[in-house]
């Protein structure tokens, strides 16, 4: 117990040091990339629970993220002033923090409810059919947001308070990792892995596959909603085009690259795919006689080529998630 409390205290102190010391050494651009990295880790871990651990191929993660982002922004923007008036007895900093946490909780619960409502009717779908159904769900959410004037419609929703920072983002990223790690080590995690490996065999062993699949879908949507709420309060502006089909594909690429079902592999892949496009901005120009070739202008083409090469290397059994694979096989056996 004491050891666990010391670990929690160490985590809080480390995150507070990140929050207060990094602005002295890093500029605002690097800090924002670090914040986006933390949000990408949260979202990729949430999708890994659905796709990697349970074997349900979902392409609607951007939809859950959008619900969490707009739900949290609704609380802090449209209801924030009212909440702050009711919390006037607190110090303004504490009152704003409480409003931020309420907004995050509301957005995450709204996304979890959506995950439950989507998970139940699509329970019998598998593979490509489930992917197409969740893809349709994500597009429905985006179109609905585009037509809601009170959510900014097509012009987007601005004026969202910038409550997200390094401390909160990395705190929730760490908590998400710990929760999923403990889940993976528990009997419920073993049941999810059994469903992923062979659903019929898992059912024959007495595992309630329907209940566990809905649980994974709902928890994955909750985590996506949490990431969306942090994203909304980091960017302070939301646009429906930020949550397209390609956003879901980004997170699918992260978990495939990291190894489906691997937590550390997902974190490493999310880190690589967050930093790589930004690093490519700084490729030096090449001078060929009178011609100057600015490769940074074609950075997304280079990024796509690198992604193809990485995936080819990954398909050749990269050792990236080896430890997790060995451990999972040991547990299943």
Protein backbone atom coordinates (compact mmCIF):
# COMPACT_ATOMS: atom_id res chain seq x y z
CA UNK A 1 0.00 0.00 0.00
CA UNK A 2 2.79 2.42 0.99
CA UNK A 3 4.71 1.55 -2.16
CA UNK A 4 1.62 2.28 -4.28
CA UNK A 5 1.10 5.66 -2.57
CA UNK A 6 4.74 6.55 -3.18
CA UNK A 7 4.34 5.70 -6.87
CA UNK A 8 1.25 7.93 -7.12
CA UNK A 9 3.10 10.75 -5.33
CA UNK A 10 6.09 10.33 -7.67
CA UNK A 11 3.76 10.46 -10.70
CA UNK A 12 2.12 13.70 -9.51
CA UNK A 13 5.46 15.35 -8.77
CA UNK A 14 6.88 14.30 -12.14
CA UNK A 15 3.88 15.66 -14.02
CA UNK A 16 3.94 18.92 -12.09
CA UNK A 17 7.64 19.29 -12.95
CA UNK A 18 6.76 18.71 -16.61
CA UNK A 19 4.11 21.41 -16.43
CA UNK A 20 6.26 24.05 -14.71
CA UNK A 21 9.76 23.33 -16.10
CA UNK A 22 9.11 22.54 -19.77
CA UNK A 23 8.00 26.12 -20.66
CA UNK A 24 11.49 27.29 -19.58
CA UNK A 25 13.26 24.90 -21.98
CA UNK A 26 10.78 24.31 -24.81
CA UNK A 27 8.86 26.71 -27.01
CA UNK A 28 5.07 26.72 -27.35
CA UNK A 29 5.20 24.72 -30.62
CA UNK A 30 7.07 21.77 -29.04
CA UNK A 31 4.81 21.82 -25.98
CA UNK A 32 1.71 21.65 -28.17
CA UNK A 33 3.16 18.69 -30.10
CA UNK A 34 3.84 16.95 -26.76
CA UNK A 35 0.23 17.62 -25.73
CA UNK A 36 -1.05 16.18 -29.03
CA UNK A 37 1.20 13.17 -28.44
CA UNK A 38 -0.47 12.53 -25.07
CA UNK A 39 -3.94 12.82 -26.62
CA UNK A 40 -2.98 10.47 -29.46
CA UNK A 41 -1.70 7.94 -26.91
CA UNK A 42 -5.03 8.07 -25.05
CA UNK A 43 -7.08 7.60 -28.22
CA UNK A 44 -4.84 4.86 -29.62
CA UNK A 45 -4.97 2.95 -26.31
CA UNK A 46 -8.78 3.22 -26.31
CA UNK A 47 -9.00 1.83 -29.84
CA UNK A 48 -6.49 -0.88 -28.93
CA UNK A 49 -8.95 -2.14 -26.31
CA UNK A 50 -11.63 -2.57 -28.99
CA UNK A 51 -9.53 -3.69 -31.98
CA UNK A 52 -6.45 -5.19 -30.36
CA UNK A 53 -7.65 -6.86 -27.18
CA UNK A 54 -11.18 -7.86 -28.19
CA UNK A 55 -10.72 -8.30 -31.94
CA UNK A 56 -13.60 -6.00 -32.98
CA UNK A 57 -12.57 -3.97 -36.02
CA UNK A 58 -13.95 -0.47 -35.42
CA UNK A 59 -13.51 2.51 -37.76
CA UNK A 60 -15.74 4.87 -35.78
CA UNK A 61 -13.23 6.09 -33.22
CA UNK A 62 -13.26 9.65 -34.59
CA UNK A 63 -17.02 9.68 -33.99
CA UNK A 64 -16.60 8.86 -30.30
CA UNK A 65 -13.80 11.43 -30.09
CA UNK A 66 -16.10 14.05 -31.64
CA UNK A 67 -18.89 13.28 -29.17
CA UNK A 68 -16.47 13.65 -26.25
CA UNK A 69 -14.96 16.84 -27.68
CA UNK A 70 -18.26 18.59 -28.41
CA UNK A 71 -19.87 17.28 -25.20
CA UNK A 72 -17.03 18.64 -23.06
CA UNK A 73 -16.95 21.91 -25.02
CA UNK A 74 -20.73 22.26 -24.54
CA UNK A 75 -20.32 22.11 -20.75
CA UNK A 76 -17.31 24.45 -20.46
CA UNK A 77 -18.48 26.93 -23.12
CA UNK A 78 -22.27 27.09 -22.99
CA UNK A 79 -22.74 26.08 -19.33
CA UNK A 80 -19.35 27.22 -17.98
CA UNK A 81 -20.44 30.67 -16.82
CA UNK A 82 -23.41 29.22 -14.91
CA UNK A 83 -21.25 26.58 -13.25
CA UNK A 84 -18.61 29.14 -12.27
CA UNK A 85 -21.31 31.31 -10.65
CA UNK A 86 -22.43 28.33 -8.53
CA UNK A 87 -18.79 27.66 -7.60
CA UNK A 88 -18.05 31.27 -6.66
CA UNK A 89 -17.24 30.19 -3.09
CA UNK A 90 -14.08 28.49 -4.43
CA UNK A 91 -10.85 30.11 -5.59
CA UNK A 92 -11.24 30.90 -9.34
CA UNK A 93 -8.43 28.49 -10.27
CA UNK A 94 -10.07 25.62 -8.34
CA UNK A 95 -13.50 26.48 -9.77
CA UNK A 96 -12.15 26.41 -13.35
CA UNK A 97 -10.40 23.10 -12.69
CA UNK A 98 -13.64 21.63 -11.35
CA UNK A 99 -15.57 22.87 -14.41
CA UNK A 100 -12.89 21.34 -16.64
CA UNK A 101 -13.16 17.95 -14.90
CA UNK A 102 -16.98 18.06 -15.06
CA UNK A 103 -16.76 18.86 -18.78
CA UNK A 104 -14.32 15.99 -19.40
CA UNK A 105 -16.50 13.58 -17.42
CA UNK A 106 -19.65 14.64 -19.28
CA UNK A 107 -18.00 14.26 -22.70
CA UNK A 108 -16.52 10.86 -21.82
CA UNK A 109 -19.82 9.54 -20.42
CA UNK A 110 -21.69 10.81 -23.48
CA UNK A 111 -19.22 8.95 -25.72
CA UNK A 112 -19.55 5.81 -23.55
CA UNK A 113 -23.35 5.98 -23.91
CA UNK A 114 -22.94 6.26 -27.68
CA UNK A 115 -20.55 3.29 -27.58
CA UNK A 116 -23.14 1.27 -25.67
CA UNK A 117 -25.91 2.20 -28.11
CA UNK A 118 -23.72 1.34 -31.11
CA UNK A 119 -22.21 -1.76 -29.54
CA UNK A 120 -25.51 -3.53 -28.79
CA UNK A 121 -27.05 -3.54 -32.31
CA UNK A 122 -23.71 -4.24 -34.04
CA UNK A 123 -22.86 -7.09 -31.67
CA UNK A 124 -23.46 -9.78 -34.24
CA UNK A 125 -21.32 -8.07 -36.88
CA UNK A 126 -17.70 -9.07 -37.37
CA UNK A 127 -14.68 -8.01 -39.39
CA UNK A 128 -15.44 -5.89 -42.45
CA UNK A 129 -19.16 -5.65 -41.66
CA UNK A 130 -18.49 -4.17 -38.20
CA UNK A 131 -15.88 -1.82 -39.67
CA UNK A 132 -18.37 -0.48 -42.23
CA UNK A 133 -21.11 -0.10 -39.59
CA UNK A 134 -18.83 1.87 -37.25
CA UNK A 135 -17.57 3.91 -40.19
CA UNK A 136 -21.17 4.86 -40.95
CA UNK A 137 -21.68 5.80 -37.30
CA UNK A 138 -18.68 8.14 -37.38
CA UNK A 139 -19.93 9.86 -40.53
CA UNK A 140 -23.46 10.23 -39.04
CA UNK A 141 -21.99 11.99 -36.00
CA UNK A 142 -19.96 14.35 -38.18
CA UNK A 143 -22.95 15.22 -40.39
CA UNK A 144 -25.18 15.77 -37.35
CA UNK A 145 -22.63 18.17 -35.82
CA UNK A 146 -22.40 20.01 -39.16
CA UNK A 147 -26.15 20.71 -38.96
CA UNK A 148 -26.37 21.76 -35.29
CA UNK A 149 -26.17 25.56 -35.15
CA UNK A 150 -25.74 25.57 -31.37
CA UNK A 151 -22.55 23.48 -31.84
CA UNK A 152 -21.15 25.90 -34.40
CA UNK A 153 -22.36 23.85 -37.41
CA UNK A 154 -20.02 23.92 -40.44
CA UNK A 155 -18.15 27.02 -39.28
CA UNK A 156 -16.95 25.27 -36.12
CA UNK A 157 -17.19 25.95 -32.40
CA UNK A 158 -14.77 28.49 -30.93
CA UNK A 159 -14.17 30.20 -27.62
CA UNK A 160 -13.46 26.96 -25.74
CA UNK A 161 -11.37 27.63 -22.60
CA UNK A 162 -7.78 26.39 -22.86
CA UNK A 163 -7.81 24.20 -19.76
CA UNK A 164 -5.78 21.27 -21.14
CA UNK A 165 -2.06 21.29 -20.41
CA UNK A 166 0.85 18.86 -20.08
CA UNK A 167 -0.11 17.91 -16.53
CA UNK A 168 -3.71 16.94 -17.26
CA UNK A 169 -3.02 15.28 -20.61
CA UNK A 170 -0.15 13.10 -19.37
CA UNK A 171 -1.99 12.36 -16.13
CA UNK A 172 -4.95 10.94 -18.05
CA UNK A 173 -2.63 9.18 -20.53
CA UNK A 174 -0.82 7.48 -17.63
CA UNK A 175 -4.10 6.56 -15.91
CA UNK A 176 -5.45 5.11 -19.17
CA UNK A 177 -2.31 3.00 -19.59
CA UNK A 178 -2.47 1.75 -15.98
CA UNK A 179 -6.18 0.91 -16.18
CA UNK A 180 -5.76 -1.03 -19.43
CA UNK A 181 -2.64 -2.78 -18.14
CA UNK A 182 -4.49 -3.92 -15.02
CA UNK A 183 -7.49 -4.93 -17.13
CA UNK A 184 -5.26 -6.99 -19.41
CA UNK A 185 -3.81 -8.78 -16.37
CA UNK A 186 -7.23 -9.53 -14.84
CA UNK A 187 -9.68 -12.34 -15.53
CA UNK A 188 -11.77 -9.90 -17.59
CA UNK A 189 -8.72 -9.12 -19.73
CA UNK A 190 -8.09 -12.82 -20.23
CA UNK A 191 -11.70 -13.21 -21.34
CA UNK A 192 -11.26 -10.39 -23.87
CA UNK A 193 -8.10 -12.01 -25.25
CA UNK A 194 -9.89 -15.36 -25.45
CA UNK A 195 -12.72 -13.74 -27.45
CA UNK A 196 -10.17 -12.20 -29.77
CA UNK A 197 -8.42 -15.52 -30.38
CA UNK A 198 -11.54 -17.64 -30.91
CA UNK A 199 -15.02 -16.43 -29.96
CA UNK A 200 -16.66 -19.85 -30.34
CA UNK A 201 -14.07 -21.51 -28.11
CA UNK A 202 -14.39 -18.70 -25.56
CA UNK A 203 -18.19 -19.13 -25.47
CA UNK A 204 -17.80 -22.89 -25.02
CA UNK A 205 -15.65 -22.15 -21.94
CA UNK A 206 -18.54 -20.25 -20.36
CA UNK A 207 -17.43 -16.70 -21.25
CA UNK A 208 -20.33 -14.31 -21.90
CA UNK A 209 -18.94 -12.95 -25.17
CA UNK A 210 -21.75 -10.46 -25.74
CA UNK A 211 -21.29 -8.82 -22.35
CA UNK A 212 -17.53 -8.56 -22.66
CA UNK A 213 -17.65 -7.19 -26.21
CA UNK A 214 -20.15 -4.49 -25.18
CA UNK A 215 -18.01 -3.69 -22.13
CA UNK A 216 -14.90 -3.27 -24.31
CA UNK A 217 -16.78 -1.14 -26.84
CA UNK A 218 -18.22 1.10 -24.13
CA UNK A 219 -14.92 1.52 -22.27
CA UNK A 220 -13.06 2.19 -25.53
CA UNK A 221 -15.64 4.86 -26.43
CA UNK A 222 -15.29 6.38 -22.93
CA UNK A 223 -11.52 6.70 -23.39
CA UNK A 224 -12.02 8.21 -26.87
CA UNK A 225 -14.45 10.74 -25.38
CA UNK A 226 -11.91 11.63 -22.72
CA UNK A 227 -9.26 12.21 -25.38
CA UNK A 228 -11.74 14.30 -27.37
CA UNK A 229 -12.47 16.51 -24.35
CA UNK A 230 -8.76 17.10 -23.77
CA UNK A 231 -8.34 17.89 -27.48
CA UNK A 232 -11.18 20.43 -27.39
CA UNK A 233 -9.68 22.28 -24.41
CA UNK A 234 -6.19 22.20 -25.96
CA UNK A 235 -7.11 23.60 -29.40
CA UNK A 236 -9.90 25.90 -28.07
CA UNK A 237 -11.65 25.42 -31.43
CA UNK A 238 -13.49 22.47 -32.96
CA UNK A 239 -14.45 21.84 -36.59
CA UNK A 240 -16.40 18.83 -37.91
CA UNK A 241 -13.67 18.16 -40.49
CA UNK A 242 -11.27 17.35 -37.63
CA UNK A 243 -13.20 14.12 -37.06
CA UNK A 244 -13.37 12.53 -40.50
CA UNK A 245 -12.84 8.92 -41.51
CA UNK A 246 -9.11 9.62 -41.93
CA UNK A 247 -8.83 10.51 -38.23
CA UNK A 248 -10.04 7.02 -37.34
CA UNK A 249 -7.59 5.54 -39.84
CA UNK A 250 -4.71 7.37 -38.11
CA UNK A 251 -5.42 5.53 -34.87
CA UNK A 252 -5.88 2.19 -36.65
CA UNK A 253 -2.42 2.69 -38.20
CA UNK A 254 -0.96 3.39 -34.74
CA UNK A 255 -2.27 0.17 -33.20
CA UNK A 256 -1.36 -1.92 -36.24
CA UNK A 257 2.18 -0.50 -36.22
CA UNK A 258 2.53 -0.97 -32.47
CA UNK A 259 1.09 -4.46 -32.53
CA UNK A 260 -2.59 -5.11 -31.92
CA UNK A 261 -3.10 -5.84 -28.25
CA UNK A 262 0.27 -4.39 -27.22
CA UNK A 263 0.06 -1.40 -24.86
CA UNK A 264 3.72 -0.35 -24.96
CA UNK A 265 3.83 -0.92 -28.72
CA UNK A 266 0.80 1.36 -29.15
CA UNK A 267 2.47 4.11 -27.09
CA UNK A 268 5.68 3.82 -29.14
CA UNK A 269 3.78 3.86 -32.44
CA UNK A 270 1.66 6.86 -31.36
CA UNK A 271 4.86 8.69 -30.40
CA UNK A 272 6.56 7.87 -33.72
CA UNK A 273 3.57 8.82 -35.88
CA UNK A 274 2.99 12.06 -33.96
CA UNK A 275 6.58 13.30 -34.20
CA UNK A 276 7.46 12.04 -37.69
CA UNK A 277 5.29 14.48 -39.73
CA UNK A 278 6.57 17.37 -37.61
CA UNK A 279 10.24 16.35 -37.97
CA UNK A 280 9.80 16.22 -41.75
CA UNK A 281 9.02 19.96 -41.71
CA UNK A 282 12.70 20.59 -40.97
CA UNK A 283 14.28 18.65 -43.85
CA UNK A 284 16.97 20.95 -45.28
CA UNK A 285 16.60 22.10 -48.88
CA UNK A 286 18.78 20.41 -51.53
CA UNK A 287 20.59 22.64 -54.04
CA UNK A 288 21.07 21.08 -57.49
CA UNK A 289 22.86 23.71 -59.56
CA UNK A 290 20.40 26.56 -60.07
CA UNK A 291 17.52 24.46 -58.77
CA UNK A 292 16.55 24.28 -55.10
CA UNK A 293 14.55 21.26 -54.02
CA UNK A 294 12.46 21.92 -50.88
CA UNK A 295 11.65 18.43 -49.63
CA UNK A 296 9.75 19.88 -46.67
CA UNK A 297 7.04 20.98 -49.15
CA UNK A 298 6.47 17.32 -50.00
CA UNK A 299 6.69 16.11 -46.42
CA UNK A 300 3.36 14.25 -46.48
CA UNK A 301 4.47 12.28 -49.56
CA UNK A 302 7.71 11.40 -47.77
CA UNK A 303 5.69 10.54 -44.65
CA UNK A 304 3.46 8.17 -46.67
CA UNK A 305 6.52 6.50 -48.25
CA UNK A 306 8.15 6.09 -44.84
CA UNK A 307 4.89 4.65 -43.49
CA UNK A 308 4.84 2.08 -46.31
CA UNK A 309 8.46 1.10 -45.54
CA UNK A 310 7.74 0.88 -41.82
CA UNK A 311 4.70 -1.32 -42.42
CA UNK A 312 6.71 -3.59 -44.74
CA UNK A 313 9.32 -3.92 -42.00
CA UNK A 314 6.59 -4.39 -39.39
CA UNK A 315 5.05 -7.24 -41.37
CA UNK A 316 8.39 -9.05 -41.10
CA UNK A 317 7.79 -9.63 -37.37
CA UNK A 318 9.38 -6.52 -35.91
CA UNK A 319 10.49 -7.13 -32.31
CA UNK A 320 8.58 -4.01 -31.17
CA UNK A 321 5.75 -5.77 -29.27
CA UNK A 322 7.66 -9.01 -28.69
CA UNK A 323 7.53 -8.84 -24.88
CA UNK A 324 3.75 -8.39 -24.85
CA UNK A 325 3.24 -11.16 -27.38
CA UNK A 326 5.28 -13.62 -25.39
CA UNK A 327 3.45 -12.65 -22.20
CA UNK A 328 0.00 -12.92 -23.83
CA UNK A 329 0.82 -16.32 -25.31
CA UNK A 330 1.99 -17.49 -21.93
CA UNK A 331 -1.27 -16.37 -20.33
CA UNK A 332 -3.46 -17.93 -23.01
CA UNK A 333 -1.58 -21.18 -22.81
